[in-house]
């Protein structure tokens, strides 16, 4: 004969069989994984590379007076 389950055991078993438990657990695991990846990326940034631009005068003139859009 099987023994009747006490209320706490029955509730715990129904919680583990619930789909919402697994969805929430997966969500927290996903948040933890993303947090870890972001923290590792912030700690291991690549170094800055200085680039020299040719035609800097043309770029500066566009900054003060943008070119007109082409109209047909």
PDB file of N, CA and C in Angstrom:
ATOM      1  N   UNK A   1       0.835  -1.178   0.000  1.00  0.00           N
ATOM      2  CA  UNK A   1       0.000   0.000   0.000  1.00  0.00           C
ATOM      3  C   UNK A   1       0.881   1.243   0.000  1.00  0.00           C
ATOM      4  N   UNK A   2       0.421   2.237  -0.682  1.00  0.00           N
ATOM      5  CA  UNK A   2       1.176   3.490  -0.702  1.00  0.00           C
ATOM      6  C   UNK A   2       0.680   4.388   0.418  1.00  0.00           C
ATOM      7  N   UNK A   3       1.620   5.124   0.950  1.00  0.00           N
ATOM      8  CA  UNK A   3       1.273   6.029   2.033  1.00  0.00           C
ATOM      9  C   UNK A   3       0.827   7.357   1.429  1.00  0.00           C
ATOM     10  N   UNK A   4      -0.144   7.994   2.046  1.00  0.00           N
ATOM     11  CA  UNK A   4      -0.549   9.309   1.537  1.00  0.00           C
ATOM     12  C   UNK A   4       0.587  10.315   1.759  1.00  0.00           C
ATOM     13  N   UNK A   5       0.745  11.204   0.805  1.00  0.00           N
ATOM     14  CA  UNK A   5       1.803  12.214   0.904  1.00  0.00           C
ATOM     15  C   UNK A   5       1.368  13.334   1.839  1.00  0.00           C
ATOM     16  N   UNK A   6       2.315  13.788   2.646  1.00  0.00           N
ATOM     17  CA  UNK A   6       1.977  14.935   3.486  1.00  0.00           C
ATOM     18  C   UNK A   6       1.933  16.183   2.593  1.00  0.00           C
ATOM     19  N   UNK A   7       1.297  17.245   3.016  1.00  0.00           N
ATOM     20  CA  UNK A   7       1.084  18.427   2.158  1.00  0.00           C
ATOM     21  C   UNK A   7       2.380  19.065   1.640  1.00  0.00           C
ATOM     22  N   UNK A   8       3.446  19.085   2.456  1.00  0.00           N
ATOM     23  CA  UNK A   8       4.685  19.725   1.989  1.00  0.00           C
ATOM     24  C   UNK A   8       5.344  18.906   0.894  1.00  0.00           C
ATOM     25  N   UNK A   9       5.326  17.587   1.010  1.00  0.00           N
ATOM     26  CA  UNK A   9       5.915  16.733  -0.022  1.00  0.00           C
ATOM     27  C   UNK A   9       5.104  16.821  -1.310  1.00  0.00           C
ATOM     28  N   UNK A  10       3.790  16.831  -1.191  1.00  0.00           N
ATOM     29  CA  UNK A  10       2.937  16.933  -2.370  1.00  0.00           C
ATOM     30  C   UNK A  10       3.137  18.289  -3.058  1.00  0.00           C
ATOM     31  N   UNK A  11       3.254  19.333  -2.270  1.00  0.00           N
ATOM     32  CA  UNK A  11       3.455  20.662  -2.873  1.00  0.00           C
ATOM     33  C   UNK A  11       4.822  20.744  -3.558  1.00  0.00           C
ATOM     34  N   UNK A  12       5.855  20.194  -2.930  1.00  0.00           N
ATOM     35  CA  UNK A  12       7.191  20.220  -3.517  1.00  0.00           C
ATOM     36  C   UNK A  12       7.211  19.418  -4.820  1.00  0.00           C
ATOM     37  N   UNK A  13       6.562  18.292  -4.842  1.00  0.00           N
ATOM     38  CA  UNK A  13       6.527  17.471  -6.045  1.00  0.00           C
ATOM     39  C   UNK A  13       5.750  18.172  -7.163  1.00  0.00           C
ATOM     40  N   UNK A  14       4.656  18.832  -6.822  1.00  0.00           N
ATOM     41  CA  UNK A  14       3.886  19.526  -7.860  1.00  0.00           C
ATOM     42  C   UNK A  14       4.662  20.743  -8.389  1.00  0.00           C
ATOM     43  N   UNK A  15       5.460  21.387  -7.531  1.00  0.00           N
ATOM     44  CA  UNK A  15       6.260  22.521  -7.979  1.00  0.00           C
ATOM     45  C   UNK A  15       7.326  22.078  -8.976  1.00  0.00           C
ATOM     46  N   UNK A  16       8.000  20.975  -8.705  1.00  0.00           N
ATOM     47  CA  UNK A  16       9.034  20.488  -9.617  1.00  0.00           C
ATOM     48  C   UNK A  16       8.443  19.981 -10.925  1.00  0.00           C
ATOM     49  N   UNK A  17       7.207  19.558 -10.916  1.00  0.00           N
ATOM     50  CA  UNK A  17       6.576  19.089 -12.144  1.00  0.00           C
ATOM     51  C   UNK A  17       5.917  20.234 -12.911  1.00  0.00           C
ATOM     52  N   UNK A  18       5.879  21.393 -12.302  1.00  0.00           N
ATOM     53  CA  UNK A  18       5.258  22.542 -12.943  1.00  0.00           C
ATOM     54  C   UNK A  18       6.177  23.101 -14.020  1.00  0.00           C
ATOM     55  N   UNK A  19       5.588  23.516 -15.128  1.00  0.00           N
ATOM     56  CA  UNK A  19       6.355  24.106 -16.215  1.00  0.00           C
ATOM     57  C   UNK A  19       6.942  25.447 -15.802  1.00  0.00           C
ATOM     58  N   UNK A  20       6.228  26.207 -14.986  1.00  0.00           N
ATOM     59  CA  UNK A  20       6.709  27.528 -14.579  1.00  0.00           C
ATOM     60  C   UNK A  20       7.998  27.453 -13.787  1.00  0.00           C
ATOM     61  N   UNK A  21       8.161  26.426 -12.982  1.00  0.00           N
ATOM     62  CA  UNK A  21       9.409  26.266 -12.236  1.00  0.00           C
ATOM     63  C   UNK A  21      10.594  26.172 -13.185  1.00  0.00           C
ATOM     64  N   UNK A  22      10.473  25.368 -14.217  1.00  0.00           N
ATOM     65  CA  UNK A  22      11.579  25.170 -15.162  1.00  0.00           C
ATOM     66  C   UNK A  22      11.812  26.415 -16.014  1.00  0.00           C
ATOM     67  N   UNK A  23      10.742  27.127 -16.345  1.00  0.00           N
ATOM     68  CA  UNK A  23      10.894  28.370 -17.114  1.00  0.00           C
ATOM     69  C   UNK A  23      11.635  29.413 -16.290  1.00  0.00           C
ATOM     70  N   UNK A  24      11.253  29.587 -15.039  1.00  0.00           N
ATOM     71  CA  UNK A  24      11.911  30.561 -14.162  1.00  0.00           C
ATOM     72  C   UNK A  24      13.364  30.154 -13.915  1.00  0.00           C
ATOM     73  N   UNK A  25      13.615  28.875 -13.697  1.00  0.00           N
ATOM     74  CA  UNK A  25      14.977  28.391 -13.486  1.00  0.00           C
ATOM     75  C   UNK A  25      15.845  28.664 -14.717  1.00  0.00           C
ATOM     76  N   UNK A  26      15.321  28.374 -15.896  1.00  0.00           N
ATOM     77  CA  UNK A  26      16.069  28.629 -17.132  1.00  0.00           C
ATOM     78  C   UNK A  26      16.332  30.124 -17.306  1.00  0.00           C
ATOM     79  N   UNK A  27      15.375  30.963 -16.952  1.00  0.00           N
ATOM     80  CA  UNK A  27      15.542  32.403 -17.050  1.00  0.00           C
ATOM     81  C   UNK A  27      16.672  32.884 -16.142  1.00  0.00           C
ATOM     82  N   UNK A  28      16.716  32.413 -14.913  1.00  0.00           N
ATOM     83  CA  UNK A  28      17.781  32.807 -13.997  1.00  0.00           C
ATOM     84  C   UNK A  28      19.137  32.298 -14.454  1.00  0.00           C
ATOM     85  N   UNK A  29      19.187  31.109 -15.003  1.00  0.00           N
ATOM     86  CA  UNK A  29      20.448  30.588 -15.544  1.00  0.00           C
ATOM     87  C   UNK A  29      20.910  31.444 -16.716  1.00  0.00           C
ATOM     88  N   UNK A  30      19.978  31.852 -17.562  1.00  0.00           N
ATOM     89  CA  UNK A  30      20.311  32.699 -18.704  1.00  0.00           C
ATOM     90  C   UNK A  30      20.828  34.064 -18.252  1.00  0.00           C
ATOM     91  N   UNK A  31      20.182  34.659 -17.255  1.00  0.00           N
ATOM     92  CA  UNK A  31      20.644  35.947 -16.727  1.00  0.00           C
ATOM     93  C   UNK A  31      22.044  35.798 -16.130  1.00  0.00           C
ATOM     94  N   UNK A  32      22.284  34.719 -15.416  1.00  0.00           N
ATOM     95  CA  UNK A  32      23.615  34.491 -14.843  1.00  0.00           C
ATOM     96  C   UNK A  32      24.676  34.321 -15.915  1.00  0.00           C
ATOM     97  N   UNK A  33      24.348  33.604 -16.986  1.00  0.00           N
ATOM     98  CA  UNK A  33      25.308  33.403 -18.069  1.00  0.00           C
ATOM     99  C   UNK A  33      25.624  34.725 -18.769  1.00  0.00           C
ATOM    100  N   UNK A  34      24.603  35.528 -19.067  1.00  0.00           N
ATOM    101  CA  UNK A  34      24.826  36.821 -19.717  1.00  0.00           C
ATOM    102  C   UNK A  34      25.633  37.744 -18.812  1.00  0.00           C
ATOM    103  N   UNK A  35      25.340  37.759 -17.530  1.00  0.00           N
ATOM    104  CA  UNK A  35      26.091  38.597 -16.597  1.00  0.00           C
ATOM    105  C   UNK A  35      27.565  38.200 -16.574  1.00  0.00           C
ATOM    106  N   UNK A  36      27.829  36.909 -16.587  1.00  0.00           N
ATOM    107  CA  UNK A  36      29.209  36.426 -16.596  1.00  0.00           C
ATOM    108  C   UNK A  36      29.917  36.837 -17.877  1.00  0.00           C
ATOM    109  N   UNK A  37      29.263  36.676 -19.013  1.00  0.00           N
ATOM    110  CA  UNK A  37      29.878  37.049 -20.291  1.00  0.00           C
ATOM    111  C   UNK A  37      30.163  38.547 -20.335  1.00  0.00           C
ATOM    112  N   UNK A  38      29.223  39.364 -19.869  1.00  0.00           N
ATOM    113  CA  UNK A  38      29.419  40.816 -19.890  1.00  0.00           C
ATOM    114  C   UNK A  38      30.551  41.224 -18.950  1.00  0.00           C
ATOM    115  N   UNK A  39      30.615  40.626 -17.772  1.00  0.00           N
ATOM    116  CA  UNK A  39      31.695  40.962 -16.843  1.00  0.00           C
ATOM    117  C   UNK A  39      33.055  40.560 -17.412  1.00  0.00           C
ATOM    118  N   UNK A  40      33.150  39.402 -18.036  1.00  0.00           N
ATOM    119  CA  UNK A  40      34.413  38.983 -18.648  1.00  0.00           C
ATOM    120  C   UNK A  40      34.806  39.914 -19.793  1.00  0.00           C
ATOM    121  N   UNK A  41      33.823  40.337 -20.582  1.00  0.00           N
ATOM    122  CA  UNK A  41      34.115  41.245 -21.699  1.00  0.00           C
ATOM    123  C   UNK A  41      34.585  42.605 -21.183  1.00  0.00           C
ATOM    124  N   UNK A  42      33.996  43.095 -20.099  1.00  0.00           N
ATOM    125  CA  UNK A  42      34.415  44.384 -19.550  1.00  0.00           C
ATOM    126  C   UNK A  42      35.818  44.325 -18.957  1.00  0.00           C
ATOM    127  N   UNK A  43      36.171  43.198 -18.358  1.00  0.00           N
ATOM    128  CA  UNK A  43      37.497  43.069 -17.759  1.00  0.00           C
ATOM    129  C   UNK A  43      38.583  42.831 -18.811  1.00  0.00           C
ATOM    130  N   UNK A  44      38.230  42.313 -19.973  1.00  0.00           N
ATOM    131  CA  UNK A  44      39.209  41.970 -21.002  1.00  0.00           C
ATOM    132  C   UNK A  44      38.974  42.756 -22.276  1.00  0.00           C
ATOM    133  N   UNK A  45      38.889  44.071 -22.143  1.00  0.00           N
ATOM    134  CA  UNK A  45      38.666  44.923 -23.310  1.00  0.00           C
ATOM    135  C   UNK A  45      39.898  44.904 -24.209  1.00  0.00           C
ATOM    136  N   UNK A  46      39.700  44.978 -25.514  1.00  0.00           N
ATOM    137  CA  UNK A  46      40.853  45.116 -26.395  1.00  0.00           C
ATOM    138  C   UNK A  46      41.424  46.538 -26.281  1.00  0.00           C
ATOM    139  N   UNK A  47      42.691  46.674 -26.608  1.00  0.00           N
ATOM    140  CA  UNK A  47      43.338  47.979 -26.530  1.00  0.00           C
ATOM    141  C   UNK A  47      42.841  48.911 -27.618  1.00  0.00           C
ATOM    142  N   UNK A  48      42.936  50.200 -27.335  1.00  0.00           N
ATOM    143  CA  UNK A  48      42.526  51.215 -28.309  1.00  0.00           C
ATOM    144  C   UNK A  48      43.594  51.328 -29.395  1.00  0.00           C
ATOM    145  N   UNK A  49      43.175  51.501 -30.624  1.00  0.00           N
ATOM    146  CA  UNK A  49      44.072  51.655 -31.757  1.00  0.00           C
ATOM    147  C   UNK A  49      43.823  53.021 -32.363  1.00  0.00           C
ATOM    148  N   UNK A  50      44.879  53.811 -32.429  1.00  0.00           N
ATOM    149  CA  UNK A  50      44.768  55.138 -33.029  1.00  0.00           C
ATOM    150  C   UNK A  50      44.846  54.992 -34.544  1.00  0.00           C
ATOM    151  N   UNK A  51      43.909  55.586 -35.251  1.00  0.00           N
ATOM    152  CA  UNK A  51      43.888  55.547 -36.707  1.00  0.00           C
ATOM    153  C   UNK A  51      44.149  56.946 -37.246  1.00  0.00           C
ATOM    154  N   UNK A  52      44.974  57.015 -38.269  1.00  0.00           N
ATOM    155  CA  UNK A  52      45.225  58.288 -38.926  1.00  0.00           C
ATOM    156  C   UNK A  52      44.324  58.367 -40.143  1.00  0.00           C
ATOM    157  N   UNK A  53      43.628  59.496 -40.276  1.00  0.00           N
ATOM    158  CA  UNK A  53      42.710  59.679 -41.380  1.00  0.00           C
ATOM    159  C   UNK A  53      43.358  60.528 -42.461  1.00  0.00           C
ATOM    160  N   UNK A  54      43.266  60.084 -43.688  1.00  0.00           N
ATOM    161  CA  UNK A  54      43.716  60.912 -44.802  1.00  0.00           C
ATOM    162  C   UNK A  54      42.549  61.795 -45.225  1.00  0.00           C
ATOM    163  N   UNK A  55      42.845  63.002 -45.646  1.00  0.00           N
ATOM    164  CA  UNK A  55      41.773  63.902 -46.054  1.00  0.00           C
ATOM    165  C   UNK A  55      40.991  64.422 -44.877  1.00  0.00           C
ATOM    166  N   UNK A  56      41.659  64.711 -43.782  1.00  0.00           N
ATOM    167  CA  UNK A  56      40.989  65.200 -42.580  1.00  0.00           C
ATOM    168  C   UNK A  56      40.271  66.522 -42.839  1.00  0.00           C
ATOM    169  N   UNK A  57      40.808  67.352 -43.753  1.00  0.00           N
ATOM    170  CA  UNK A  57      40.190  68.637 -44.043  1.00  0.00           C
ATOM    171  C   UNK A  57      38.772  68.448 -44.581  1.00  0.00           C
ATOM    172  N   UNK A  58      38.591  67.457 -45.440  1.00  0.00           N
ATOM    173  CA  UNK A  58      37.279  67.207 -46.036  1.00  0.00           C
ATOM    174  C   UNK A  58      36.286  66.767 -44.959  1.00  0.00           C
ATOM    175  N   UNK A  59      36.733  65.939 -44.051  1.00  0.00           N
ATOM    176  CA  UNK A  59      35.856  65.476 -42.969  1.00  0.00           C
ATOM    177  C   UNK A  59      35.478  66.644 -42.079  1.00  0.00           C
ATOM    178  N   UNK A  60      36.428  67.535 -41.780  1.00  0.00           N
ATOM    179  CA  UNK A  60      36.131  68.678 -40.931  1.00  0.00           C
ATOM    180  C   UNK A  60      35.146  69.638 -41.592  1.00  0.00           C
ATOM    181  N   UNK A  61      35.266  69.819 -42.925  1.00  0.00           N
ATOM    182  CA  UNK A  61      34.342  70.725 -43.601  1.00  0.00           C
ATOM    183  C   UNK A  61      32.923  70.151 -43.602  1.00  0.00           C
ATOM    184  N   UNK A  62      32.789  68.831 -43.647  1.00  0.00           N
ATOM    185  CA  UNK A  62      31.464  68.221 -43.589  1.00  0.00           C
ATOM    186  C   UNK A  62      30.843  68.398 -42.202  1.00  0.00           C
ATOM    187  N   UNK A  63      31.673  68.449 -41.189  1.00  0.00           N
ATOM    188  CA  UNK A  63      31.143  68.578 -39.833  1.00  0.00           C
ATOM    189  C   UNK A  63      30.445  69.927 -39.658  1.00  0.00           C
ATOM    190  N   UNK A  64      30.971  70.987 -40.285  1.00  0.00           N
ATOM    191  CA  UNK A  64      30.357  72.301 -40.113  1.00  0.00           C
ATOM    192  C   UNK A  64      29.254  72.555 -41.143  1.00  0.00           C
ATOM    193  N   UNK A  65      29.402  71.989 -42.359  1.00  0.00           N
ATOM    194  CA  UNK A  65      28.428  72.222 -43.419  1.00  0.00           C
ATOM    195  C   UNK A  65      28.152  70.903 -44.151  1.00  0.00           C
ATOM    196  N   UNK A  66      27.127  70.151 -43.729  1.00  0.00           N
ATOM    197  CA  UNK A  66      26.894  68.848 -44.356  1.00  0.00           C
ATOM    198  C   UNK A  66      26.540  68.990 -45.827  1.00  0.00           C
ATOM    199  N   UNK A  67      26.901  67.994 -46.651  1.00  0.00           N
ATOM    200  CA  UNK A  67      26.613  68.073 -48.090  1.00  0.00           C
ATOM    201  C   UNK A  67      25.102  68.012 -48.357  1.00  0.00           C
ATOM    202  N   UNK A  68      24.704  68.617 -49.445  1.00  0.00           N
ATOM    203  CA  UNK A  68      23.299  68.611 -49.855  1.00  0.00           C
ATOM    204  C   UNK A  68      22.913  67.221 -50.369  1.00  0.00           C
ATOM    205  N   UNK A  69      21.722  66.717 -50.040  1.00  0.00           N
ATOM    206  CA  UNK A  69      21.297  65.424 -50.587  1.00  0.00           C
ATOM    207  C   UNK A  69      21.006  65.545 -52.077  1.00  0.00           C
ATOM    208  N   UNK A  70      21.273  64.498 -52.809  1.00  0.00           N
ATOM    209  CA  UNK A  70      21.040  64.496 -54.252  1.00  0.00           C
ATOM    210  C   UNK A  70      19.542  64.440 -54.529  1.00  0.00           C
ATOM    211  N   UNK A  71      19.065  65.321 -55.380  1.00  0.00           N
ATOM    212  CA  UNK A  71      17.647  65.309 -55.747  1.00  0.00           C
ATOM    213  C   UNK A  71      17.543  65.105 -57.250  1.00  0.00           C
ATOM    214  N   UNK A  72      16.555  64.391 -57.645  1.00  0.00           N
ATOM    215  CA  UNK A  72      16.363  64.113 -59.081  1.00  0.00           C
ATOM    216  C   UNK A  72      15.075  64.688 -59.573  1.00  0.00           C
TER     217      UNK A  72
END
